[in-house]
Every structure is written in C-alpha cells, then in structure tokens.
Protein backbone atom coordinates (compact mmCIF):
# COMPACT_ATOMS: atom_id res chain seq x y z
CA UNK A 1 26.85 -17.64 -70.90
CA UNK A 2 27.83 -16.46 -74.40
CA UNK A 3 31.54 -15.86 -74.70
CA UNK A 4 32.45 -12.44 -75.97
CA UNK A 5 34.68 -12.41 -79.00
CA UNK A 6 37.89 -10.40 -78.48
CA UNK A 7 38.17 -7.25 -80.57
CA UNK A 8 40.58 -6.98 -83.48
CA UNK A 9 44.24 -6.68 -82.54
CA UNK A 10 45.44 -3.07 -82.12
CA UNK A 11 48.71 -1.93 -83.62
CA UNK A 12 50.45 1.32 -82.67
CA UNK A 13 50.96 3.62 -85.61
CA UNK A 14 54.48 4.70 -84.69
CA UNK A 15 57.16 4.45 -82.05
CA UNK A 16 55.91 7.71 -80.60
CA UNK A 17 53.30 5.64 -78.80
CA UNK A 18 51.18 7.14 -76.00
CA UNK A 19 52.00 10.75 -75.24
CA UNK A 20 50.80 13.83 -73.37
CA UNK A 21 49.85 17.18 -74.91
CA UNK A 22 49.28 20.57 -73.25
CA UNK A 23 47.18 23.36 -74.75
CA UNK A 24 46.97 26.98 -73.54
CA UNK A 25 43.58 28.47 -72.65
CA UNK A 26 41.23 29.03 -75.56
CA UNK A 27 43.06 26.76 -78.01
CA UNK A 28 41.27 24.95 -80.82
CA UNK A 29 42.51 21.81 -82.57
CA UNK A 30 40.87 21.08 -85.89
CA UNK A 31 38.84 20.56 -87.84
CA UNK A 32 40.78 17.48 -88.89
CA UNK A 33 39.91 14.24 -90.64
CA UNK A 34 40.90 11.37 -88.34
CA UNK A 35 43.04 8.85 -90.19
CA UNK A 36 43.22 6.32 -87.36
CA UNK A 37 41.63 5.31 -84.10
CA UNK A 38 42.65 7.58 -81.24
CA UNK A 39 42.08 7.45 -77.48
CA UNK A 40 42.01 10.89 -75.83
CA UNK A 41 42.17 10.86 -72.00
CA UNK A 42 41.54 14.25 -70.43
CA UNK A 43 43.84 14.84 -67.45
CA UNK A 44 43.36 18.52 -66.59
CA UNK A 45 41.08 21.35 -67.66
CA UNK A 46 38.05 20.78 -69.85
CA UNK A 47 37.18 20.55 -73.52
CA UNK A 48 34.36 20.19 -75.99
CA UNK A 49 34.67 17.64 -78.79
CA UNK A 50 32.58 18.41 -81.87
CA UNK A 51 31.96 15.92 -84.67
CA UNK A 52 29.06 16.56 -87.01
CA UNK A 53 25.91 16.88 -84.91
CA UNK A 54 27.70 15.57 -81.81
CA UNK A 55 28.96 18.13 -79.30
CA UNK A 56 30.39 16.33 -76.28
CA UNK A 57 31.78 18.08 -73.18
CA UNK A 58 34.89 16.45 -71.67
CA UNK A 59 36.08 16.66 -68.09
CA UNK A 60 39.13 15.17 -66.34
CA UNK A 61 38.92 11.39 -66.14
CA UNK A 62 36.86 10.90 -69.29
CA UNK A 63 38.16 8.79 -72.18
CA UNK A 64 37.14 9.54 -75.77
CA UNK A 65 37.48 7.15 -78.71
CA UNK A 66 37.82 8.82 -82.13
CA UNK A 67 37.20 6.64 -85.19
CA UNK A 68 38.88 6.83 -88.61
CA UNK A 69 37.01 9.07 -91.02
CA UNK A 70 35.55 11.34 -88.35
CA UNK A 71 35.91 15.06 -89.02
CA UNK A 72 36.23 16.57 -85.59
CA UNK A 73 37.37 19.61 -83.63
CA UNK A 74 38.58 20.02 -80.03
CA UNK A 75 37.77 23.26 -78.24
CA UNK A 76 40.05 23.34 -75.21
CA UNK A 77 39.27 25.09 -71.90
CA UNK A 78 38.87 28.84 -72.44
CA UNK A 79 40.11 29.81 -68.97
CA UNK A 80 42.95 27.46 -68.02
CA UNK A 81 45.53 25.15 -69.58
CA UNK A 82 44.37 21.71 -70.70
CA UNK A 83 46.37 18.49 -70.55
CA UNK A 84 45.41 15.21 -72.17
CA UNK A 85 47.01 11.89 -72.99
CA UNK A 86 46.50 10.29 -76.38
CA UNK A 87 47.50 7.36 -78.54
CA UNK A 88 46.80 6.50 -82.18
CA UNK A 89 46.31 2.95 -83.40
CA UNK A 90 44.92 0.76 -86.15
CA UNK A 91 42.68 -2.27 -85.73
CA UNK A 92 43.27 -5.41 -87.79
CA UNK A 93 41.02 -6.58 -89.25
CA UNK A 94 38.90 -3.44 -89.50
CA UNK A 95 35.90 -3.99 -87.20
CA UNK A 96 32.25 -3.23 -87.74
CA UNK A 97 32.26 -0.86 -84.79
CA UNK A 98 28.74 0.53 -85.26
CA UNK A 99 27.27 1.15 -81.84
CA UNK A 100 30.60 1.51 -80.01
CA UNK A 101 30.46 4.22 -77.35
CA UNK A 102 32.13 7.56 -77.96
CA UNK A 103 33.07 8.29 -74.36
CA UNK A 104 33.59 6.50 -71.06
CA UNK A 105 33.76 8.12 -67.64
CA UNK A 106 36.75 6.68 -65.74
CA UNK A 107 36.22 8.63 -62.53
CA UNK A 108 34.84 5.58 -60.68
CA UNK A 109 37.29 4.38 -58.03
CA UNK A 110 37.60 0.81 -59.29
CA UNK A 111 37.38 1.30 -63.05
CA UNK A 112 40.02 -0.97 -64.64
CA UNK A 113 40.31 1.34 -67.65
CA UNK A 114 41.96 3.95 -65.42
CA UNK A 115 44.74 1.50 -64.54
CA UNK A 116 45.11 0.48 -68.19
CA UNK A 117 45.37 4.11 -69.31
CA UNK A 118 47.98 4.86 -66.63
CA UNK A 119 50.01 1.80 -67.55
CA UNK A 120 49.84 2.61 -71.25
CA UNK A 121 51.00 6.16 -70.59
CA UNK A 122 53.85 4.93 -68.37
CA UNK A 123 55.02 2.58 -71.12
CA UNK A 124 55.02 5.44 -73.61
CA UNK A 125 57.00 7.79 -71.39
CA UNK A 126 59.52 5.38 -69.79
CA UNK A 127 59.93 3.00 -72.77
CA UNK A 128 61.23 -0.08 -71.00
CA UNK A 129 62.53 -3.04 -72.97
CA UNK A 130 59.96 -4.38 -75.49
CA UNK A 131 57.59 -1.57 -74.52
CA UNK A 132 55.85 -1.64 -77.93
CA UNK A 133 54.68 -5.23 -77.45
CA UNK A 134 53.47 -4.51 -73.90
CA UNK A 135 51.75 -1.33 -75.07
CA UNK A 136 49.86 -3.16 -77.80
CA UNK A 137 48.66 -5.81 -75.35
CA UNK A 138 47.55 -3.13 -72.90
CA UNK A 139 45.82 -1.30 -75.73
CA UNK A 140 44.01 -4.49 -76.77
CA UNK A 141 42.60 -4.86 -73.26
CA UNK A 142 41.68 -1.19 -73.15
CA UNK A 143 39.77 -1.38 -76.45
CA UNK A 144 37.91 -4.51 -75.32
CA UNK A 145 36.95 -2.96 -71.97
CA UNK A 146 35.99 0.35 -73.55
CA UNK A 147 33.69 -1.34 -76.08
CA UNK A 148 32.05 -3.90 -73.78
CA UNK A 149 32.06 -2.08 -70.45
CA UNK A 150 33.35 -3.40 -67.16
CA UNK A 151 30.80 -6.07 -66.31
CA UNK A 152 27.14 -7.10 -66.28
CA UNK A 153 26.11 -3.61 -65.25
CA UNK A 154 27.61 -1.96 -68.30
CA UNK A 155 25.58 -0.40 -71.11
CA UNK A 156 22.48 1.61 -70.31
CA UNK A 157 22.78 0.68 -66.61
CA UNK A 158 25.86 2.93 -66.37
CA UNK A 159 23.72 5.94 -67.26
CA UNK A 160 22.76 8.29 -64.41
CA UNK A 161 19.41 7.83 -62.74
CA UNK A 162 17.68 10.84 -64.39
CA UNK A 163 18.40 9.40 -67.85
CA UNK A 164 17.20 5.95 -66.84
CA UNK A 165 13.98 7.47 -65.47
CA UNK A 166 13.53 9.51 -68.64
CA UNK A 167 14.03 6.42 -70.79
CA UNK A 168 11.48 4.47 -68.74
CA UNK A 169 8.92 7.23 -69.28
CA UNK A 170 9.57 7.31 -73.03
CA UNK A 171 9.35 3.51 -73.26
CA UNK A 172 5.95 3.62 -71.56
CA UNK A 173 4.73 6.44 -73.80
CA UNK A 174 5.80 4.52 -76.92
CA UNK A 175 4.52 1.12 -75.82
CA UNK A 176 1.75 1.11 -78.45
CA UNK A 177 4.29 1.40 -81.27
CA UNK A 178 3.85 5.12 -82.02
CA UNK A 179 6.97 7.18 -81.31
CA UNK A 180 5.32 10.37 -80.14
CA UNK A 181 7.39 13.47 -79.34
CA UNK A 182 7.67 14.54 -75.71
CA UNK A 183 8.46 18.03 -74.44
CA UNK A 184 11.57 18.77 -72.40
CA UNK A 185 9.36 19.74 -69.45
CA UNK A 186 7.55 16.39 -69.50
CA UNK A 187 10.81 14.47 -69.78
CA UNK A 188 12.31 16.44 -66.89
CA UNK A 189 9.24 15.80 -64.75
CA UNK A 190 9.55 12.07 -65.40
CA UNK A 191 13.28 12.22 -64.60
CA UNK A 192 12.67 14.09 -61.35
CA UNK A 193 15.03 16.95 -62.20
CA UNK A 194 14.81 20.42 -63.72
CA UNK A 195 14.80 20.82 -67.52
CA UNK A 196 18.23 22.49 -67.41
CA UNK A 197 19.70 19.64 -65.33
CA UNK A 198 18.27 16.97 -67.63
CA UNK A 199 19.62 18.78 -70.69
CA UNK A 200 23.08 19.03 -69.11
CA UNK A 201 23.15 15.36 -68.09
CA UNK A 202 21.84 14.21 -71.46
CA UNK A 203 24.38 16.25 -73.40
CA UNK A 204 27.22 14.93 -71.26
CA UNK A 205 26.31 11.27 -71.69
CA UNK A 206 24.61 11.19 -75.10
CA UNK A 207 26.01 14.26 -76.84
CA UNK A 208 22.63 15.83 -77.65
CA UNK A 209 19.68 17.40 -75.85
CA UNK A 210 16.85 15.07 -74.71
CA UNK A 211 14.36 16.31 -77.33
CA UNK A 212 16.94 16.19 -80.16
CA UNK A 213 18.00 12.68 -79.16
CA UNK A 214 14.44 11.40 -79.23
CA UNK A 215 13.83 13.02 -82.61
CA UNK A 216 16.86 11.18 -84.01
CA UNK A 217 15.43 7.94 -82.64
CA UNK A 218 12.04 8.69 -84.21
CA UNK A 219 13.74 9.29 -87.56
CA UNK A 220 15.73 6.06 -87.24
CA UNK A 221 12.42 4.31 -86.56
CA UNK A 222 11.40 5.23 -90.12
CA UNK A 223 14.27 3.27 -91.72
CA UNK A 224 12.70 -0.24 -91.59
CA UNK A 225 9.28 1.20 -92.39
CA UNK A 226 10.67 2.74 -95.59
CA UNK A 227 12.48 -0.43 -96.63
CA UNK A 228 10.17 -3.19 -95.43
CA UNK A 229 6.66 -1.79 -95.85
CA UNK A 230 4.53 -0.17 -98.52
CA UNK A 231 3.18 2.40 -96.07
CA UNK A 232 2.72 5.90 -97.43
CA UNK A 233 5.00 8.69 -96.22
CA UNK A 234 2.06 10.12 -94.32
CA UNK A 235 1.47 6.81 -92.49
CA UNK A 236 5.18 6.49 -91.65
CA UNK A 237 5.27 10.10 -90.47
CA UNK A 238 2.36 9.52 -88.10
CA UNK A 239 3.87 6.31 -86.71
CA UNK A 240 7.13 8.17 -86.05
CA UNK A 241 5.39 11.03 -84.29
CA UNK A 242 5.48 13.71 -87.00
CA UNK A 243 2.46 15.83 -87.81
CA UNK A 244 2.49 15.14 -91.54
CA UNK A 245 4.60 13.86 -94.43
CA UNK A 246 6.01 17.33 -95.16
CA UNK A 247 7.35 17.83 -91.63
CA UNK A 248 8.73 14.29 -91.55
CA UNK A 249 10.43 14.66 -94.95
CA UNK A 250 12.00 17.98 -94.00
CA UNK A 251 13.51 16.64 -90.77
CA UNK A 252 14.59 13.36 -92.43
CA UNK A 253 16.46 15.25 -95.17
CA UNK A 254 18.17 17.46 -92.57
CA UNK A 255 19.62 14.41 -90.79
CA UNK A 256 20.15 11.88 -93.62
CA UNK A 257 21.01 14.29 -96.43
CA UNK A 258 18.30 12.89 -98.71
CA UNK A 259 14.55 12.61 -98.90
CA UNK A 260 12.70 9.57 -97.48
CA UNK A 261 11.69 8.67 -101.04
CA UNK A 262 15.33 8.60 -102.20
CA UNK A 263 16.31 6.66 -99.08
CA UNK A 264 13.60 4.11 -99.81
CA UNK A 265 15.18 3.30 -103.18
CA UNK A 266 18.57 2.45 -101.63
CA UNK A 267 19.77 -0.96 -100.52
CA UNK A 268 20.38 -1.04 -96.75
CA UNK A 269 24.12 -1.56 -97.20
CA UNK A 270 24.44 1.60 -99.32
CA UNK A 271 22.33 3.84 -97.09
CA UNK A 272 23.82 6.58 -94.90
CA UNK A 273 24.46 5.49 -91.30
CA UNK A 274 21.65 5.66 -88.81
CA UNK A 275 21.99 8.64 -86.46
CA UNK A 276 21.29 6.41 -83.46
CA UNK A 277 23.58 3.43 -83.99
CA UNK A 278 26.68 5.61 -83.82
CA UNK A 279 28.44 6.56 -80.62
CA UNK A 280 26.79 7.41 -77.33
CA UNK A 281 23.31 7.64 -78.87
CA UNK A 282 23.27 3.83 -79.15
CA UNK A 283 22.15 3.90 -75.50
CA UNK A 284 18.74 5.05 -76.79
CA UNK A 285 18.19 2.01 -78.98
CA UNK A 286 16.35 0.18 -76.20
CA UNK A 287 13.61 2.82 -76.56
CA UNK A 288 12.70 1.77 -80.09
CA UNK A 289 8.95 1.02 -80.19
CA UNK A 290 7.87 -2.38 -81.49
CA UNK A 291 6.94 -2.75 -85.15
CA UNK A 292 3.20 -3.17 -85.75
C-alpha cells in the first residue's frame, strides 16, 4: 500500500482561533478576496456560497474549505438566522492543492471530521492551557482528512447513487473517445430520477448542473489536444462533442477567457486553471474519455 504523505503543517493566523458567527436572515457577506485558507462549518440555517462559476448550497453539517485567492460571497438563509463556525489558517509550505474538494458532508454518524470540528471549536472557545498548539494539531488532522477522505471508500464512491449511475452512463457513452453531449433528460433516465432531482443533487455535490458540468469536462478534454497534437480546431471540436470550431471556440473563450488558438500558444504552466481540476468538479475527472 502506498503511504499517503501528510499535508503541509497548518498555522493559525491569530489568537482568535476558531470562532462562531451568527447572521440575521437575508444577510450577505462579500464579495471578498480570501487571503488565507478558511474552514466554514454550517451549524444552523442554510447558505449559498458563490465563487466564480461555482454556486454551492450549504446545509447544517457541511464543511466548506475556502482557498487563498478565491473571490467569494456568502448568501445566508433568507428566512431564519444562520450560525456557522470558522477558522482561518495558513499552510506551510504552500501546497499544490489542485483537485482538493470544496465541500464535505459531515452528517454521517461516524464521520471523524465532525469530532475534529467540535474539538477545534471547543479549544477556541474554552482556551485551555497551550490551546494554540492543540488547535494546530487538530487542524492538521482535519485538513488531511478533508483532503483525502475517511477511508478506501472516499472520493467518487461518496457521491450519491444517482450521480454514480449518471457517471456510469456518461463513461459508456464516451467509451470510443468522443465526448458527446447528453441531454438532462437522458442523464436523469440513466440515473433513475427526475431531471429536477438530478439537477438538485448534482448542484449540491458538484456545484453545477449535470449538463454544465459535462460541458466543462468536454472543454477540459481539449487542453491536451491543443497542446500535444496538430489537430485542427474543427477536429478537436468534434472530438469534444461540439458541432463545429465556431461553437467550440465560443464556449472555450467563455470558460478560459481566451481563444483556443491563444491557449495553444501558452506553456502548460502559464495556462489558466482547468475548470475541472478545481474543487468538487474533480469528481468528474474519471469520466475523461481516452485519448485516441
């Protein structure tokens, strides 16, 4: 078995440590530019976290990880007060955290992250002797568990059954290497639920609708084809499931902020981040069709 490397060591930003905040109904926090890592643990009410194209609903028991540099906004429950716990921290050395999840659901009865969050919050509110050192150790374990999951079943296996069924259907449809688009109705039929239910489940766990998530994956599929092949834009468009080069170029520019031709001239390390390798959408990476 390959041993997992521990994550970088967390350090609390200040002696304020973990704390609890209450917001009245209808409050909005942001937009703000995150200057540190931050865990947000929703305790009561509901919220919607918006960051770029991500719009993620939050319910009690869910834990959100905000990264430095994110420009985000919290829309708190419109009808009742909201309470959440939070803590800011740095990571040393700075990790390459591409692909880390955005959110974890801690409502399972035996999830160790729930105990870690409770202990961290207790340390911040009671402040026993040497609480900062204990808080940092607890935070280190929480970051590690959040990133890697709670065991062999973590990752895509923690997704609900409708999403797993949807992903299986997409994987079968793309098995010949062409990432064809699929309608919401077809995806819902494969998942065994209604279109509205699939959309709700997909938004909760991946932050986007099913069709939008698959389009982002189809666009990400174009990245290696632009860099590592001499295929024409039309050929790349067809392999990624777009009707023609014009349609492909228009959607690519909307997501990446530049044309496929301009993207092709960049070195990989200077290119904008892939829309799929960030946050919860990384769960879709297993759907990537093989290169032909």
